[in-house]
Amino acid sequence: DDLVAEEIYTSIVNSMPTHAPIVIQS
């Protein structure tokens, strides 16, 4: 859901340390 995606991106992706690996896939 668009609102959920924005919330997750803001609350967790943007708070991750720069050295921590993130994979987004779809």
mmCIF file of all heavy atoms, coordinates in Angstrom:
data_MODEL
# 
_entry.id   MODEL 
# 
loop_
_atom_site.group_PDB 
_atom_site.id 
_atom_site.type_symbol 
_atom_site.label_atom_id 
_atom_site.label_alt_id 
_atom_site.label_comp_id 
_atom_site.label_asym_id 
_atom_site.label_entity_id 
_atom_site.label_seq_id 
_atom_site.pdbx_PDB_ins_code 
_atom_site.Cartn_x 
_atom_site.Cartn_y 
_atom_site.Cartn_z 
_atom_site.occupancy 
_atom_site.B_iso_or_equiv 
_atom_site.pdbx_formal_charge 
_atom_site.auth_seq_id 
_atom_site.auth_comp_id 
_atom_site.auth_asym_id 
_atom_site.auth_atom_id 
_atom_site.pdbx_PDB_model_num 
ATOM 1   N N   . ASP A 1 1  ? 0.844  -1.181  0.000  1.00 0.00 ? 1  ASP A N   1 
ATOM 2   C CA  . ASP A 1 1  ? 0.000  0.000   0.000  1.00 0.00 ? 1  ASP A CA  1 
ATOM 3   C C   . ASP A 1 1  ? 0.889  1.244   0.000  1.00 0.00 ? 1  ASP A C   1 
ATOM 4   O O   . ASP A 1 1  ? 1.923  1.282   0.679  1.00 0.00 ? 1  ASP A O   1 
ATOM 5   C CB  . ASP A 1 1  ? -0.886 -0.014  1.246  1.00 0.00 ? 1  ASP A CB  1 
ATOM 6   C CG  . ASP A 1 1  ? -1.711 1.241   1.386  1.00 0.00 ? 1  ASP A CG  1 
ATOM 7   O OD1 . ASP A 1 1  ? -2.784 1.309   0.783  1.00 0.00 ? 1  ASP A OD1 1 
ATOM 8   O OD2 . ASP A 1 1  ? -1.246 2.148   2.116  1.00 0.00 ? 1  ASP A OD2 1 
ATOM 9   N N   . ASP A 1 2  ? 0.508  2.264   -0.766 1.00 0.00 ? 2  ASP A N   1 
ATOM 10  C CA  . ASP A 1 2  ? 1.365  3.440   -0.932 1.00 0.00 ? 2  ASP A CA  1 
ATOM 11  C C   . ASP A 1 2  ? 1.713  4.109   0.397  1.00 0.00 ? 2  ASP A C   1 
ATOM 12  O O   . ASP A 1 2  ? 2.869  4.487   0.624  1.00 0.00 ? 2  ASP A O   1 
ATOM 13  C CB  . ASP A 1 2  ? 0.696  4.459   -1.854 1.00 0.00 ? 2  ASP A CB  1 
ATOM 14  C CG  . ASP A 1 2  ? 0.668  4.013   -3.305 1.00 0.00 ? 2  ASP A CG  1 
ATOM 15  O OD1 . ASP A 1 2  ? 1.427  3.096   -3.657 1.00 0.00 ? 2  ASP A OD1 1 
ATOM 16  O OD2 . ASP A 1 2  ? -0.130 4.583   -4.078 1.00 0.00 ? 2  ASP A OD2 1 
ATOM 17  N N   . LEU A 1 3  ? 0.727  4.260   1.271  1.00 0.00 ? 3  LEU A N   1 
ATOM 18  C CA  . LEU A 1 3  ? 0.990  4.911   2.552  1.00 0.00 ? 3  LEU A CA  1 
ATOM 19  C C   . LEU A 1 3  ? 1.923  4.068   3.420  1.00 0.00 ? 3  LEU A C   1 
ATOM 20  O O   . LEU A 1 3  ? 2.807  4.592   4.104  1.00 0.00 ? 3  LEU A O   1 
ATOM 21  C CB  . LEU A 1 3  ? -0.327 5.180   3.286  1.00 0.00 ? 3  LEU A CB  1 
ATOM 22  C CG  . LEU A 1 3  ? -1.237 6.249   2.666  1.00 0.00 ? 3  LEU A CG  1 
ATOM 23  C CD1 . LEU A 1 3  ? -2.532 6.342   3.456  1.00 0.00 ? 3  LEU A CD1 1 
ATOM 24  C CD2 . LEU A 1 3  ? -0.537 7.591   2.605  1.00 0.00 ? 3  LEU A CD2 1 
ATOM 25  N N   . VAL A 1 4  ? 1.722  2.751   3.392  1.00 0.00 ? 4  VAL A N   1 
ATOM 26  C CA  . VAL A 1 4  ? 2.582  1.856   4.165  1.00 0.00 ? 4  VAL A CA  1 
ATOM 27  C C   . VAL A 1 4  ? 4.008  1.901   3.633  1.00 0.00 ? 4  VAL A C   1 
ATOM 28  O O   . VAL A 1 4  ? 4.976  1.955   4.396  1.00 0.00 ? 4  VAL A O   1 
ATOM 29  C CB  . VAL A 1 4  ? 2.030  0.421   4.136  1.00 0.00 ? 4  VAL A CB  1 
ATOM 30  C CG1 . VAL A 1 4  ? 3.007  -0.540  4.801  1.00 0.00 ? 4  VAL A CG1 1 
ATOM 31  C CG2 . VAL A 1 4  ? 0.683  0.358   4.821  1.00 0.00 ? 4  VAL A CG2 1 
ATOM 32  N N   . ALA A 1 5  ? 4.143  1.890   2.315  1.00 0.00 ? 5  ALA A N   1 
ATOM 33  C CA  . ALA A 1 5  ? 5.473  1.936   1.709  1.00 0.00 ? 5  ALA A CA  1 
ATOM 34  C C   . ALA A 1 5  ? 6.215  3.208   2.113  1.00 0.00 ? 5  ALA A C   1 
ATOM 35  O O   . ALA A 1 5  ? 7.404  3.174   2.461  1.00 0.00 ? 5  ALA A O   1 
ATOM 36  C CB  . ALA A 1 5  ? 5.356  1.845   0.190  1.00 0.00 ? 5  ALA A CB  1 
ATOM 37  N N   . GLU A 1 6  ? 5.531  4.339   2.072  1.00 0.00 ? 6  GLU A N   1 
ATOM 38  C CA  . GLU A 1 6  ? 6.169  5.603   2.463  1.00 0.00 ? 6  GLU A CA  1 
ATOM 39  C C   . GLU A 1 6  ? 6.560  5.580   3.932  1.00 0.00 ? 6  GLU A C   1 
ATOM 40  O O   . GLU A 1 6  ? 7.642  6.048   4.318  1.00 0.00 ? 6  GLU A O   1 
ATOM 41  C CB  . GLU A 1 6  ? 5.223  6.773   2.186  1.00 0.00 ? 6  GLU A CB  1 
ATOM 42  C CG  . GLU A 1 6  ? 5.048  7.100   0.720  1.00 0.00 ? 6  GLU A CG  1 
ATOM 43  C CD  . GLU A 1 6  ? 6.270  7.775   0.107  1.00 0.00 ? 6  GLU A CD  1 
ATOM 44  O OE1 . GLU A 1 6  ? 7.203  8.127   0.861  1.00 0.00 ? 6  GLU A OE1 1 
ATOM 45  O OE2 . GLU A 1 6  ? 6.284  7.920   -1.116 1.00 0.00 ? 6  GLU A OE2 1 
ATOM 46  N N   . GLU A 1 7  ? 5.681  5.029   4.775  1.00 0.00 ? 7  GLU A N   1 
ATOM 47  C CA  . GLU A 1 7  ? 5.964  4.977   6.212  1.00 0.00 ? 7  GLU A CA  1 
ATOM 48  C C   . GLU A 1 7  ? 7.163  4.088   6.503  1.00 0.00 ? 7  GLU A C   1 
ATOM 49  O O   . GLU A 1 7  ? 8.045  4.438   7.298  1.00 0.00 ? 7  GLU A O   1 
ATOM 50  C CB  . GLU A 1 7  ? 4.735  4.483   6.963  1.00 0.00 ? 7  GLU A CB  1 
ATOM 51  C CG  . GLU A 1 7  ? 4.905  4.400   8.480  1.00 0.00 ? 7  GLU A CG  1 
ATOM 52  C CD  . GLU A 1 7  ? 4.957  5.767   9.129  1.00 0.00 ? 7  GLU A CD  1 
ATOM 53  O OE1 . GLU A 1 7  ? 4.644  6.765   8.468  1.00 0.00 ? 7  GLU A OE1 1 
ATOM 54  O OE2 . GLU A 1 7  ? 5.323  5.818   10.315 1.00 0.00 ? 7  GLU A OE2 1 
ATOM 55  N N   . ILE A 1 8  ? 7.211  2.918   5.864  1.00 0.00 ? 8  ILE A N   1 
ATOM 56  C CA  . ILE A 1 8  ? 8.340  2.007   6.074  1.00 0.00 ? 8  ILE A CA  1 
ATOM 57  C C   . ILE A 1 8  ? 9.638  2.639   5.576  1.00 0.00 ? 8  ILE A C   1 
ATOM 58  O O   . ILE A 1 8  ? 10.676 2.565   6.241  1.00 0.00 ? 8  ILE A O   1 
ATOM 59  C CB  . ILE A 1 8  ? 8.082  0.664   5.379  1.00 0.00 ? 8  ILE A CB  1 
ATOM 60  C CG1 . ILE A 1 8  ? 6.999  -0.115  6.125  1.00 0.00 ? 8  ILE A CG1 1 
ATOM 61  C CG2 . ILE A 1 8  ? 9.355  -0.171  5.282  1.00 0.00 ? 8  ILE A CG2 1 
ATOM 62  C CD1 . ILE A 1 8  ? 6.570  -1.392  5.440  1.00 0.00 ? 8  ILE A CD1 1 
ATOM 63  N N   . TYR A 1 9  ? 9.568  3.263   4.425  1.00 0.00 ? 9  TYR A N   1 
ATOM 64  C CA  . TYR A 1 9  ? 10.773 3.896   3.868  1.00 0.00 ? 9  TYR A CA  1 
ATOM 65  C C   . TYR A 1 9  ? 11.282 4.988   4.800  1.00 0.00 ? 9  TYR A C   1 
ATOM 66  O O   . TYR A 1 9  ? 12.489 5.102   5.046  1.00 0.00 ? 9  TYR A O   1 
ATOM 67  C CB  . TYR A 1 9  ? 10.456 4.478   2.493  1.00 0.00 ? 9  TYR A CB  1 
ATOM 68  C CG  . TYR A 1 9  ? 11.681 4.737   1.647  1.00 0.00 ? 9  TYR A CG  1 
ATOM 69  C CD1 . TYR A 1 9  ? 12.160 3.782   0.766  1.00 0.00 ? 9  TYR A CD1 1 
ATOM 70  C CD2 . TYR A 1 9  ? 12.362 5.951   1.738  1.00 0.00 ? 9  TYR A CD2 1 
ATOM 71  C CE1 . TYR A 1 9  ? 13.290 4.012   -0.004 1.00 0.00 ? 9  TYR A CE1 1 
ATOM 72  C CE2 . TYR A 1 9  ? 13.490 6.197   0.978  1.00 0.00 ? 9  TYR A CE2 1 
ATOM 73  C CZ  . TYR A 1 9  ? 13.950 5.228   0.102  1.00 0.00 ? 9  TYR A CZ  1 
ATOM 74  O OH  . TYR A 1 9  ? 15.077 5.464   -0.654 1.00 0.00 ? 9  TYR A OH  1 
ATOM 75  N N   . THR A 1 10 ? 10.358 5.778   5.333  1.00 0.00 ? 10 THR A N   1 
ATOM 76  C CA  . THR A 1 10 ? 10.754 6.870   6.216  1.00 0.00 ? 10 THR A CA  1 
ATOM 77  C C   . THR A 1 10 ? 11.237 6.358   7.566  1.00 0.00 ? 10 THR A C   1 
ATOM 78  O O   . THR A 1 10 ? 12.271 6.802   8.084  1.00 0.00 ? 10 THR A O   1 
ATOM 79  C CB  . THR A 1 10 ? 9.570  7.833   6.431  1.00 0.00 ? 10 THR A CB  1 
ATOM 80  O OG1 . THR A 1 10 ? 9.170  8.375   5.169  1.00 0.00 ? 10 THR A OG1 1 
ATOM 81  C CG2 . THR A 1 10 ? 9.952  8.954   7.376  1.00 0.00 ? 10 THR A CG2 1 
ATOM 82  N N   . SER A 1 11 ? 10.522 5.385   8.135  1.00 0.00 ? 11 SER A N   1 
ATOM 83  C CA  . SER A 1 11 ? 10.789 5.001   9.516  1.00 0.00 ? 11 SER A CA  1 
ATOM 84  C C   . SER A 1 11 ? 11.953 4.046   9.671  1.00 0.00 ? 11 SER A C   1 
ATOM 85  O O   . SER A 1 11 ? 12.622 4.054   10.704 1.00 0.00 ? 11 SER A O   1 
ATOM 86  C CB  . SER A 1 11 ? 9.535  4.361   10.132 1.00 0.00 ? 11 SER A CB  1 
ATOM 87  O OG  . SER A 1 11 ? 9.217  3.157   9.466  1.00 0.00 ? 11 SER A OG  1 
ATOM 88  N N   . ILE A 1 12 ? 12.229 3.220   8.648  1.00 0.00 ? 12 ILE A N   1 
ATOM 89  C CA  . ILE A 1 12 ? 13.296 2.248   8.824  1.00 0.00 ? 12 ILE A CA  1 
ATOM 90  C C   . ILE A 1 12 ? 14.414 2.409   7.807  1.00 0.00 ? 12 ILE A C   1 
ATOM 91  O O   . ILE A 1 12 ? 15.592 2.440   8.171  1.00 0.00 ? 12 ILE A O   1 
ATOM 92  C CB  . ILE A 1 12 ? 12.752 0.807   8.820  1.00 0.00 ? 12 ILE A CB  1 
ATOM 93  C CG1 . ILE A 1 12 ? 13.879 -0.183  9.153  1.00 0.00 ? 12 ILE A CG1 1 
ATOM 94  C CG2 . ILE A 1 12 ? 12.084 0.442   7.526  1.00 0.00 ? 12 ILE A CG2 1 
ATOM 95  C CD1 . ILE A 1 12 ? 13.382 -1.564  9.486  1.00 0.00 ? 12 ILE A CD1 1 
ATOM 96  N N   . VAL A 1 13 ? 14.077 2.555   6.518  1.00 0.00 ? 13 VAL A N   1 
ATOM 97  C CA  . VAL A 1 13 ? 15.136 2.660   5.510  1.00 0.00 ? 13 VAL A CA  1 
ATOM 98  C C   . VAL A 1 13 ? 15.994 3.896   5.762  1.00 0.00 ? 13 VAL A C   1 
ATOM 99  O O   . VAL A 1 13 ? 17.230 3.827   5.770  1.00 0.00 ? 13 VAL A O   1 
ATOM 100 C CB  . VAL A 1 13 ? 14.537 2.689   4.091  1.00 0.00 ? 13 VAL A CB  1 
ATOM 101 C CG1 . VAL A 1 13 ? 15.622 2.972   3.056  1.00 0.00 ? 13 VAL A CG1 1 
ATOM 102 C CG2 . VAL A 1 13 ? 13.850 1.370   3.777  1.00 0.00 ? 13 VAL A CG2 1 
ATOM 103 N N   . ASN A 1 14 ? 15.358 5.022   5.982  1.00 0.00 ? 14 ASN A N   1 
ATOM 104 C CA  . ASN A 1 14 ? 16.108 6.266   6.175  1.00 0.00 ? 14 ASN A CA  1 
ATOM 105 C C   . ASN A 1 14 ? 16.841 6.324   7.508  1.00 0.00 ? 14 ASN A C   1 
ATOM 106 O O   . ASN A 1 14 ? 17.691 7.198   7.702  1.00 0.00 ? 14 ASN A O   1 
ATOM 107 C CB  . ASN A 1 14 ? 15.178 7.471   6.051  1.00 0.00 ? 14 ASN A CB  1 
ATOM 108 C CG  . ASN A 1 14 ? 14.780 7.749   4.616  1.00 0.00 ? 14 ASN A CG  1 
ATOM 109 O OD1 . ASN A 1 14 ? 15.436 7.303   3.685  1.00 0.00 ? 14 ASN A OD1 1 
ATOM 110 N ND2 . ASN A 1 14 ? 13.699 8.493   4.427  1.00 0.00 ? 14 ASN A ND2 1 
ATOM 111 N N   . SER A 1 15 ? 16.513 5.405   8.430  1.00 0.00 ? 15 SER A N   1 
ATOM 112 C CA  . SER A 1 15 ? 17.199 5.408   9.726  1.00 0.00 ? 15 SER A CA  1 
ATOM 113 C C   . SER A 1 15 ? 18.340 4.401   9.794  1.00 0.00 ? 15 SER A C   1 
ATOM 114 O O   . SER A 1 15 ? 19.035 4.329   10.810 1.00 0.00 ? 15 SER A O   1 
ATOM 115 C CB  . SER A 1 15 ? 16.191 5.105   10.840 1.00 0.00 ? 15 SER A CB  1 
ATOM 116 O OG  . SER A 1 15 ? 15.708 3.775   10.740 1.00 0.00 ? 15 SER A OG  1 
ATOM 117 N N   . MET A 1 16 ? 18.532 3.631   8.721  1.00 0.00 ? 16 MET A N   1 
ATOM 118 C CA  . MET A 1 16 ? 19.593 2.624   8.730  1.00 0.00 ? 16 MET A CA  1 
ATOM 119 C C   . MET A 1 16 ? 20.965 3.276   8.624  1.00 0.00 ? 16 MET A C   1 
ATOM 120 O O   . MET A 1 16 ? 21.155 4.237   7.876  1.00 0.00 ? 16 MET A O   1 
ATOM 121 C CB  . MET A 1 16 ? 19.407 1.655   7.568  1.00 0.00 ? 16 MET A CB  1 
ATOM 122 C CG  . MET A 1 16 ? 18.185 0.774   7.668  1.00 0.00 ? 16 MET A CG  1 
ATOM 123 S SD  . MET A 1 16 ? 18.426 -0.665  8.717  1.00 0.00 ? 16 MET A SD  1 
ATOM 124 C CE  . MET A 1 16 ? 19.472 -1.691  7.674  1.00 0.00 ? 16 MET A CE  1 
ATOM 125 N N   . PRO A 1 17 ? 21.974 2.765   9.357  1.00 0.00 ? 17 PRO A N   1 
ATOM 126 C CA  . PRO A 1 17 ? 23.336 3.271   9.202  1.00 0.00 ? 17 PRO A CA  1 
ATOM 127 C C   . PRO A 1 17 ? 23.824 3.074   7.775  1.00 0.00 ? 17 PRO A C   1 
ATOM 128 O O   . PRO A 1 17 ? 23.401 2.143   7.079  1.00 0.00 ? 17 PRO A O   1 
ATOM 129 C CB  . PRO A 1 17 ? 24.142 2.408   10.187 1.00 0.00 ? 17 PRO A CB  1 
ATOM 130 C CG  . PRO A 1 17 ? 23.137 1.844   11.130 1.00 0.00 ? 17 PRO A CG  1 
ATOM 131 C CD  . PRO A 1 17 ? 21.862 1.699   10.362 1.00 0.00 ? 17 PRO A CD  1 
ATOM 132 N N   . THR A 1 18 ? 24.708 3.935   7.337  1.00 0.00 ? 18 THR A N   1 
ATOM 133 C CA  . THR A 1 18 ? 25.174 3.873   5.946  1.00 0.00 ? 18 THR A CA  1 
ATOM 134 C C   . THR A 1 18 ? 25.949 2.602   5.641  1.00 0.00 ? 18 THR A C   1 
ATOM 135 O O   . THR A 1 18 ? 26.053 2.204   4.483  1.00 0.00 ? 18 THR A O   1 
ATOM 136 C CB  . THR A 1 18 ? 26.050 5.087   5.627  1.00 0.00 ? 18 THR A CB  1 
ATOM 137 O OG1 . THR A 1 18 ? 27.161 5.129   6.551  1.00 0.00 ? 18 THR A OG1 1 
ATOM 138 C CG2 . THR A 1 18 ? 25.254 6.379   5.732  1.00 0.00 ? 18 THR A CG2 1 
ATOM 139 N N   . HIS A 1 19 ? 26.496 1.934   6.665  1.00 0.00 ? 19 HIS A N   1 
ATOM 140 C CA  . HIS A 1 19 ? 27.260 0.709   6.426  1.00 0.00 ? 19 HIS A CA  1 
ATOM 141 C C   . HIS A 1 19 ? 26.385 -0.538  6.444  1.00 0.00 ? 19 HIS A C   1 
ATOM 142 O O   . HIS A 1 19 ? 26.856 -1.630  6.133  1.00 0.00 ? 19 HIS A O   1 
ATOM 143 C CB  . HIS A 1 19 ? 28.360 0.557   7.488  1.00 0.00 ? 19 HIS A CB  1 
ATOM 144 C CG  . HIS A 1 19 ? 27.804 0.379   8.878  1.00 0.00 ? 19 HIS A CG  1 
ATOM 145 N ND1 . HIS A 1 19 ? 27.510 1.445   9.696  1.00 0.00 ? 19 HIS A ND1 1 
ATOM 146 C CD2 . HIS A 1 19 ? 27.473 -0.740  9.578  1.00 0.00 ? 19 HIS A CD2 1 
ATOM 147 C CE1 . HIS A 1 19 ? 27.034 0.991   10.841 1.00 0.00 ? 19 HIS A CE1 1 
ATOM 148 N NE2 . HIS A 1 19 ? 26.993 -0.333  10.804 1.00 0.00 ? 19 HIS A NE2 1 
ATOM 149 N N   . ALA A 1 20 ? 25.107 -0.403  6.804  1.00 0.00 ? 20 ALA A N   1 
ATOM 150 C CA  . ALA A 1 20 ? 24.226 -1.560  6.929  1.00 0.00 ? 20 ALA A CA  1 
ATOM 151 C C   . ALA A 1 20 ? 23.581 -1.869  5.583  1.00 0.00 ? 20 ALA A C   1 
ATOM 152 O O   . ALA A 1 20 ? 22.962 -0.996  4.971  1.00 0.00 ? 20 ALA A O   1 
ATOM 153 C CB  . ALA A 1 20 ? 23.155 -1.296  7.982  1.00 0.00 ? 20 ALA A CB  1 
ATOM 154 N N   . PRO A 1 21 ? 23.711 -3.092  5.095  1.00 0.00 ? 21 PRO A N   1 
ATOM 155 C CA  . PRO A 1 21 ? 23.157 -3.419  3.776  1.00 0.00 ? 21 PRO A CA  1 
ATOM 156 C C   . PRO A 1 21 ? 21.633 -3.450  3.770  1.00 0.00 ? 21 PRO A C   1 
ATOM 157 O O   . PRO A 1 21 ? 21.002 -3.943  4.706  1.00 0.00 ? 21 PRO A O   1 
ATOM 158 C CB  . PRO A 1 21 ? 23.740 -4.801  3.472  1.00 0.00 ? 21 PRO A CB  1 
ATOM 159 C CG  . PRO A 1 21 ? 24.091 -5.376  4.801  1.00 0.00 ? 21 PRO A CG  1 
ATOM 160 C CD  . PRO A 1 21 ? 24.453 -4.222  5.677  1.00 0.00 ? 21 PRO A CD  1 
ATOM 161 N N   . ILE A 1 22 ? 21.070 -2.917  2.698  1.00 0.00 ? 22 ILE A N   1 
ATOM 162 C CA  . ILE A 1 22 ? 19.630 -2.942  2.475  1.00 0.00 ? 22 ILE A CA  1 
ATOM 163 C C   . ILE A 1 22 ? 19.368 -3.473  1.070  1.00 0.00 ? 22 ILE A C   1 
ATOM 164 O O   . ILE A 1 22 ? 20.018 -3.047  0.116  1.00 0.00 ? 22 ILE A O   1 
ATOM 165 C CB  . ILE A 1 22 ? 18.985 -1.552  2.608  1.00 0.00 ? 22 ILE A CB  1 
ATOM 166 C CG1 . ILE A 1 22 ? 19.316 -0.901  3.957  1.00 0.00 ? 22 ILE A CG1 1 
ATOM 167 C CG2 . ILE A 1 22 ? 17.472 -1.645  2.435  1.00 0.00 ? 22 ILE A CG2 1 
ATOM 168 C CD1 . ILE A 1 22 ? 18.800 0.517   4.074  1.00 0.00 ? 22 ILE A CD1 1 
ATOM 169 N N   . VAL A 1 23 ? 18.414 -4.380  0.963  1.00 0.00 ? 23 VAL A N   1 
ATOM 170 C CA  . VAL A 1 23 ? 17.948 -4.860  -0.332 1.00 0.00 ? 23 VAL A CA  1 
ATOM 171 C C   . VAL A 1 23 ? 16.459 -4.572  -0.429 1.00 0.00 ? 23 VAL A C   1 
ATOM 172 O O   . VAL A 1 23 ? 15.676 -4.985  0.440  1.00 0.00 ? 23 VAL A O   1 
ATOM 173 C CB  . VAL A 1 23 ? 18.198 -6.373  -0.517 1.00 0.00 ? 23 VAL A CB  1 
ATOM 174 C CG1 . VAL A 1 23 ? 17.602 -6.850  -1.848 1.00 0.00 ? 23 VAL A CG1 1 
ATOM 175 C CG2 . VAL A 1 23 ? 19.689 -6.692  -0.456 1.00 0.00 ? 23 VAL A CG2 1 
ATOM 176 N N   . ILE A 1 24 ? 16.081 -3.843  -1.455 1.00 0.00 ? 24 ILE A N   1 
ATOM 177 C CA  . ILE A 1 24 ? 14.678 -3.670  -1.811 1.00 0.00 ? 24 ILE A CA  1 
ATOM 178 C C   . ILE A 1 24 ? 14.477 -4.381  -3.132 1.00 0.00 ? 24 ILE A C   1 
ATOM 179 O O   . ILE A 1 24 ? 15.230 -4.153  -4.082 1.00 0.00 ? 24 ILE A O   1 
ATOM 180 C CB  . ILE A 1 24 ? 14.289 -2.187  -1.932 1.00 0.00 ? 24 ILE A CB  1 
ATOM 181 C CG1 . ILE A 1 24 ? 14.369 -1.483  -0.574 1.00 0.00 ? 24 ILE A CG1 1 
ATOM 182 C CG2 . ILE A 1 24 ? 12.893 -2.038  -2.514 1.00 0.00 ? 24 ILE A CG2 1 
ATOM 183 C CD1 . ILE A 1 24 ? 14.074 0.010   -0.642 1.00 0.00 ? 24 ILE A CD1 1 
ATOM 184 N N   . GLN A 1 25 ? 13.492 -5.245  -3.210 1.00 0.00 ? 25 GLN A N   1 
ATOM 185 C CA  . GLN A 1 25 ? 13.280 -5.985  -4.447 1.00 0.00 ? 25 GLN A CA  1 
ATOM 186 C C   . GLN A 1 25 ? 11.798 -6.180  -4.698 1.00 0.00 ? 25 GLN A C   1 
ATOM 187 O O   . GLN A 1 25 ? 10.986 -6.181  -3.773 1.00 0.00 ? 25 GLN A O   1 
ATOM 188 C CB  . GLN A 1 25 ? 13.979 -7.336  -4.398 1.00 0.00 ? 25 GLN A CB  1 
ATOM 189 C CG  . GLN A 1 25 ? 13.472 -8.273  -3.322 1.00 0.00 ? 25 GLN A CG  1 
ATOM 190 C CD  . GLN A 1 25 ? 14.299 -9.543  -3.223 1.00 0.00 ? 25 GLN A CD  1 
ATOM 191 O OE1 . GLN A 1 25 ? 15.482 -9.563  -3.537 1.00 0.00 ? 25 GLN A OE1 1 
ATOM 192 N NE2 . GLN A 1 25 ? 13.675 -10.627 -2.799 1.00 0.00 ? 25 GLN A NE2 1 
ATOM 193 N N   . SER A 1 26 ? 11.462 -6.361  -5.987 1.00 0.00 ? 26 SER A N   1 
ATOM 194 C CA  . SER A 1 26 ? 10.059 -6.576  -6.309 1.00 0.00 ? 26 SER A CA  1 
ATOM 195 C C   . SER A 1 26 ? 9.899  -7.005  -7.758 1.00 0.00 ? 26 SER A C   1 
ATOM 196 O O   . SER A 1 26 ? 10.722 -6.671  -8.617 1.00 0.00 ? 26 SER A O   1 
ATOM 197 C CB  . SER A 1 26 ? 9.247  -5.290  -6.083 1.00 0.00 ? 26 SER A CB  1 
ATOM 198 O OG  . SER A 1 26 ? 7.856  -5.552  -6.193 1.00 0.00 ? 26 SER A OG  1 
# 
